């Protein structure tokens, strides 16, 4: 998307008000691309462009972001966290014996819960 402000080289019609932009007056040219190349162009008077953008903001206000990005903070203490990591390492090492894995699962549930991918 390109937005440029320059003097008009040839007459163009304003996309907002519909009047002609006379040669030599300032104009805003808004052009955009797709995979095929430059697809569209619209021309505006500078005042009309500002009015058009303000109008579109009133119609479609930007969404407020309430969700924080990244991994959620763990509610475990540092001791619980280290114990849980040790138990999960033991669990990954003992692939052959299901009895040990069940005991380790119960211990992991008590510390901080079993990962969702295990259930």
C-alpha atoms as a PDB file:
ATOM      1  CA  UNK A   1       0.000   0.000   0.000  1.00  0.00           C
ATOM      2  CA  UNK A   2       1.403   3.372  -1.029  1.00  0.00           C
ATOM      3  CA  UNK A   3       0.070   6.769  -0.051  1.00  0.00           C
ATOM      4  CA  UNK A   4       1.680   9.792  -1.666  1.00  0.00           C
ATOM      5  CA  UNK A   5       0.985  13.525  -1.647  1.00  0.00           C
ATOM      6  CA  UNK A   6       1.968  15.505  -4.736  1.00  0.00           C
ATOM      7  CA  UNK A   7       0.730  18.059  -7.231  1.00  0.00           C
ATOM      8  CA  UNK A   8      -1.699  16.754  -9.831  1.00  0.00           C
ATOM      9  CA  UNK A   9      -0.146  16.177 -13.255  1.00  0.00           C
ATOM     10  CA  UNK A  10      -3.484  15.410 -14.925  1.00  0.00           C
ATOM     11  CA  UNK A  11      -7.098  15.822 -13.926  1.00  0.00           C
ATOM     12  CA  UNK A  12      -8.491  13.108 -11.629  1.00  0.00           C
ATOM     13  CA  UNK A  13     -11.756  12.542  -9.781  1.00  0.00           C
ATOM     14  CA  UNK A  14     -11.763  12.600  -5.960  1.00  0.00           C
ATOM     15  CA  UNK A  15     -12.921   9.285  -4.559  1.00  0.00           C
ATOM     16  CA  UNK A  16     -14.607  10.918  -1.528  1.00  0.00           C
ATOM     17  CA  UNK A  17     -16.435  14.004  -2.798  1.00  0.00           C
ATOM     18  CA  UNK A  18     -16.627  13.136  -6.522  1.00  0.00           C
ATOM     19  CA  UNK A  19     -15.320  16.513  -7.719  1.00  0.00           C
ATOM     20  CA  UNK A  20     -12.411  16.804 -10.106  1.00  0.00           C
ATOM     21  CA  UNK A  21      -8.919  17.556  -8.821  1.00  0.00           C
ATOM     22  CA  UNK A  22      -7.621  20.236 -11.206  1.00  0.00           C
ATOM     23  CA  UNK A  23      -4.118  20.025 -12.661  1.00  0.00           C
ATOM     24  CA  UNK A  24      -1.608  21.705 -10.336  1.00  0.00           C
ATOM     25  CA  UNK A  25      -3.613  21.211  -7.113  1.00  0.00           C
ATOM     26  CA  UNK A  26      -2.328  18.904  -4.348  1.00  0.00           C
ATOM     27  CA  UNK A  27      -3.698  15.374  -4.412  1.00  0.00           C
ATOM     28  CA  UNK A  28      -3.295  12.213  -2.398  1.00  0.00           C
ATOM     29  CA  UNK A  29      -2.835   9.057  -4.427  1.00  0.00           C
ATOM     30  CA  UNK A  30      -3.524   5.796  -2.630  1.00  0.00           C
ATOM     31  CA  UNK A  31      -2.451   2.665  -4.501  1.00  0.00           C
ATOM     32  CA  UNK A  32      -2.185  -0.949  -3.422  1.00  0.00           C
ATOM     33  CA  UNK A  33      -0.742  -4.238  -4.633  1.00  0.00           C
ATOM     34  CA  UNK A  34      -1.738  -7.868  -4.797  1.00  0.00           C
ATOM     35  CA  UNK A  35       0.182 -10.893  -6.008  1.00  0.00           C
ATOM     36  CA  UNK A  36      -0.420  -9.803  -9.594  1.00  0.00           C
ATOM     37  CA  UNK A  37       1.063  -6.317  -9.137  1.00  0.00           C
ATOM     38  CA  UNK A  38      -0.443  -2.872  -8.649  1.00  0.00           C
ATOM     39  CA  UNK A  39      -4.199  -3.412  -8.560  1.00  0.00           C
ATOM     40  CA  UNK A  40      -5.955  -0.176  -7.619  1.00  0.00           C
ATOM     41  CA  UNK A  41      -5.560   3.562  -7.296  1.00  0.00           C
ATOM     42  CA  UNK A  42      -7.762   6.156  -5.667  1.00  0.00           C
ATOM     43  CA  UNK A  43      -7.300   9.919  -5.680  1.00  0.00           C
ATOM     44  CA  UNK A  44      -8.331  12.363  -2.951  1.00  0.00           C
ATOM     45  CA  UNK A  45      -8.189  16.024  -2.057  1.00  0.00           C
ATOM     46  CA  UNK A  46      -6.016  16.259   1.102  1.00  0.00           C
ATOM     47  CA  UNK A  47      -9.007  17.382   3.221  1.00  0.00           C
ATOM     48  CA  UNK A  48     -11.233  14.683   1.733  1.00  0.00           C
ATOM     49  CA  UNK A  49      -8.663  12.004   2.527  1.00  0.00           C
ATOM     50  CA  UNK A  50      -8.586  13.030   6.204  1.00  0.00           C
ATOM     51  CA  UNK A  51     -12.391  13.131   6.356  1.00  0.00           C
ATOM     52  CA  UNK A  52     -12.624   9.700   4.690  1.00  0.00           C
ATOM     53  CA  UNK A  53     -10.137   8.098   7.106  1.00  0.00           C
ATOM     54  CA  UNK A  54     -11.862   9.664  10.143  1.00  0.00           C
ATOM     55  CA  UNK A  55     -15.221   8.442   8.859  1.00  0.00           C
ATOM     56  CA  UNK A  56     -13.891   4.895   8.403  1.00  0.00           C
ATOM     57  CA  UNK A  57     -12.447   4.968  11.953  1.00  0.00           C
ATOM     58  CA  UNK A  58     -15.880   5.910  13.319  1.00  0.00           C
ATOM     59  CA  UNK A  59     -17.501   3.038  11.421  1.00  0.00           C
ATOM     60  CA  UNK A  60     -14.775   0.469  12.216  1.00  0.00           C
ATOM     61  CA  UNK A  61     -13.038   1.426  15.466  1.00  0.00           C
ATOM     62  CA  UNK A  62      -9.792  -0.419  16.170  1.00  0.00           C
ATOM     63  CA  UNK A  63     -10.208  -3.427  18.432  1.00  0.00           C
ATOM     64  CA  UNK A  64      -8.763  -3.065  21.901  1.00  0.00           C
ATOM     65  CA  UNK A  65      -6.399  -5.907  22.764  1.00  0.00           C
ATOM     66  CA  UNK A  66      -7.004  -7.294  26.222  1.00  0.00           C
ATOM     67  CA  UNK A  67      -5.148 -10.574  25.774  1.00  0.00           C
ATOM     68  CA  UNK A  68      -1.461 -10.492  26.586  1.00  0.00           C
ATOM     69  CA  UNK A  69       0.877 -12.172  24.158  1.00  0.00           C
ATOM     70  CA  UNK A  70       3.240 -14.931  25.145  1.00  0.00           C
ATOM     71  CA  UNK A  71       3.102 -17.796  27.567  1.00  0.00           C
ATOM     72  CA  UNK A  72       0.908 -17.270  30.657  1.00  0.00           C
ATOM     73  CA  UNK A  73       2.745 -16.893  33.961  1.00  0.00           C
ATOM     74  CA  UNK A  74       2.920 -20.087  35.999  1.00  0.00           C
ATOM     75  CA  UNK A  75       1.230 -20.096  39.403  1.00  0.00           C
ATOM     76  CA  UNK A  76       3.758 -22.559  40.799  1.00  0.00           C
ATOM     77  CA  UNK A  77       6.519 -21.598  43.206  1.00  0.00           C
ATOM     78  CA  UNK A  78      10.121 -22.068  42.086  1.00  0.00           C
ATOM     79  CA  UNK A  79      10.468 -25.221  44.218  1.00  0.00           C
ATOM     80  CA  UNK A  80       7.306 -26.745  42.758  1.00  0.00           C
ATOM     81  CA  UNK A  81       8.467 -25.829  39.266  1.00  0.00           C
ATOM     82  CA  UNK A  82      11.861 -27.531  39.666  1.00  0.00           C
ATOM     83  CA  UNK A  83      10.232 -30.643  41.196  1.00  0.00           C
ATOM     84  CA  UNK A  84       7.710 -30.818  38.345  1.00  0.00           C
ATOM     85  CA  UNK A  85      10.473 -30.510  35.732  1.00  0.00           C
ATOM     86  CA  UNK A  86      12.434 -33.341  37.412  1.00  0.00           C
ATOM     87  CA  UNK A  87       9.353 -35.570  37.508  1.00  0.00           C
ATOM     88  CA  UNK A  88       8.604 -34.893  33.849  1.00  0.00           C
ATOM     89  CA  UNK A  89      12.208 -35.794  32.929  1.00  0.00           C
ATOM     90  CA  UNK A  90      11.864 -39.065  34.846  1.00  0.00           C
ATOM     91  CA  UNK A  91       8.574 -39.697  33.054  1.00  0.00           C
ATOM     92  CA  UNK A  92      10.149 -39.205  29.619  1.00  0.00           C
ATOM     93  CA  UNK A  93      13.028 -41.586  30.482  1.00  0.00           C
ATOM     94  CA  UNK A  94      10.767 -44.458  31.669  1.00  0.00           C
ATOM     95  CA  UNK A  95       8.932 -45.257  28.430  1.00  0.00           C
ATOM     96  CA  UNK A  96       9.002 -49.034  28.967  1.00  0.00           C
ATOM     97  CA  UNK A  97       7.301 -49.459  32.344  1.00  0.00           C
ATOM     98  CA  UNK A  98       3.660 -48.303  32.523  1.00  0.00           C
ATOM     99  CA  UNK A  99       3.511 -48.796  36.320  1.00  0.00           C
ATOM    100  CA  UNK A 100       6.257 -46.234  36.897  1.00  0.00           C
ATOM    101  CA  UNK A 101       4.633 -43.853  34.429  1.00  0.00           C
ATOM    102  CA  UNK A 102       1.313 -44.037  36.295  1.00  0.00           C
ATOM    103  CA  UNK A 103       3.041 -43.310  39.620  1.00  0.00           C
ATOM    104  CA  UNK A 104       4.919 -40.390  38.080  1.00  0.00           C
ATOM    105  CA  UNK A 105       1.677 -39.070  36.559  1.00  0.00           C
ATOM    106  CA  UNK A 106       0.039 -39.053  39.978  1.00  0.00           C
ATOM    107  CA  UNK A 107       3.041 -37.209  41.438  1.00  0.00           C
ATOM    108  CA  UNK A 108       2.985 -34.677  38.582  1.00  0.00           C
ATOM    109  CA  UNK A 109      -0.781 -34.110  39.116  1.00  0.00           C
ATOM    110  CA  UNK A 110      -0.115 -33.329  42.755  1.00  0.00           C
ATOM    111  CA  UNK A 111       2.626 -30.805  41.934  1.00  0.00           C
ATOM    112  CA  UNK A 112       1.112 -28.786  39.109  1.00  0.00           C
ATOM    113  CA  UNK A 113      -1.068 -30.890  36.888  1.00  0.00           C
ATOM    114  CA  UNK A 114      -0.476 -33.124  33.907  1.00  0.00           C
ATOM    115  CA  UNK A 115       0.136 -31.381  30.549  1.00  0.00           C
ATOM    116  CA  UNK A 116      -2.946 -31.127  28.343  1.00  0.00           C
ATOM    117  CA  UNK A 117      -1.280 -33.122  25.559  1.00  0.00           C
ATOM    118  CA  UNK A 118      -1.066 -36.176  27.831  1.00  0.00           C
ATOM    119  CA  UNK A 119      -4.820 -36.461  28.334  1.00  0.00           C
END
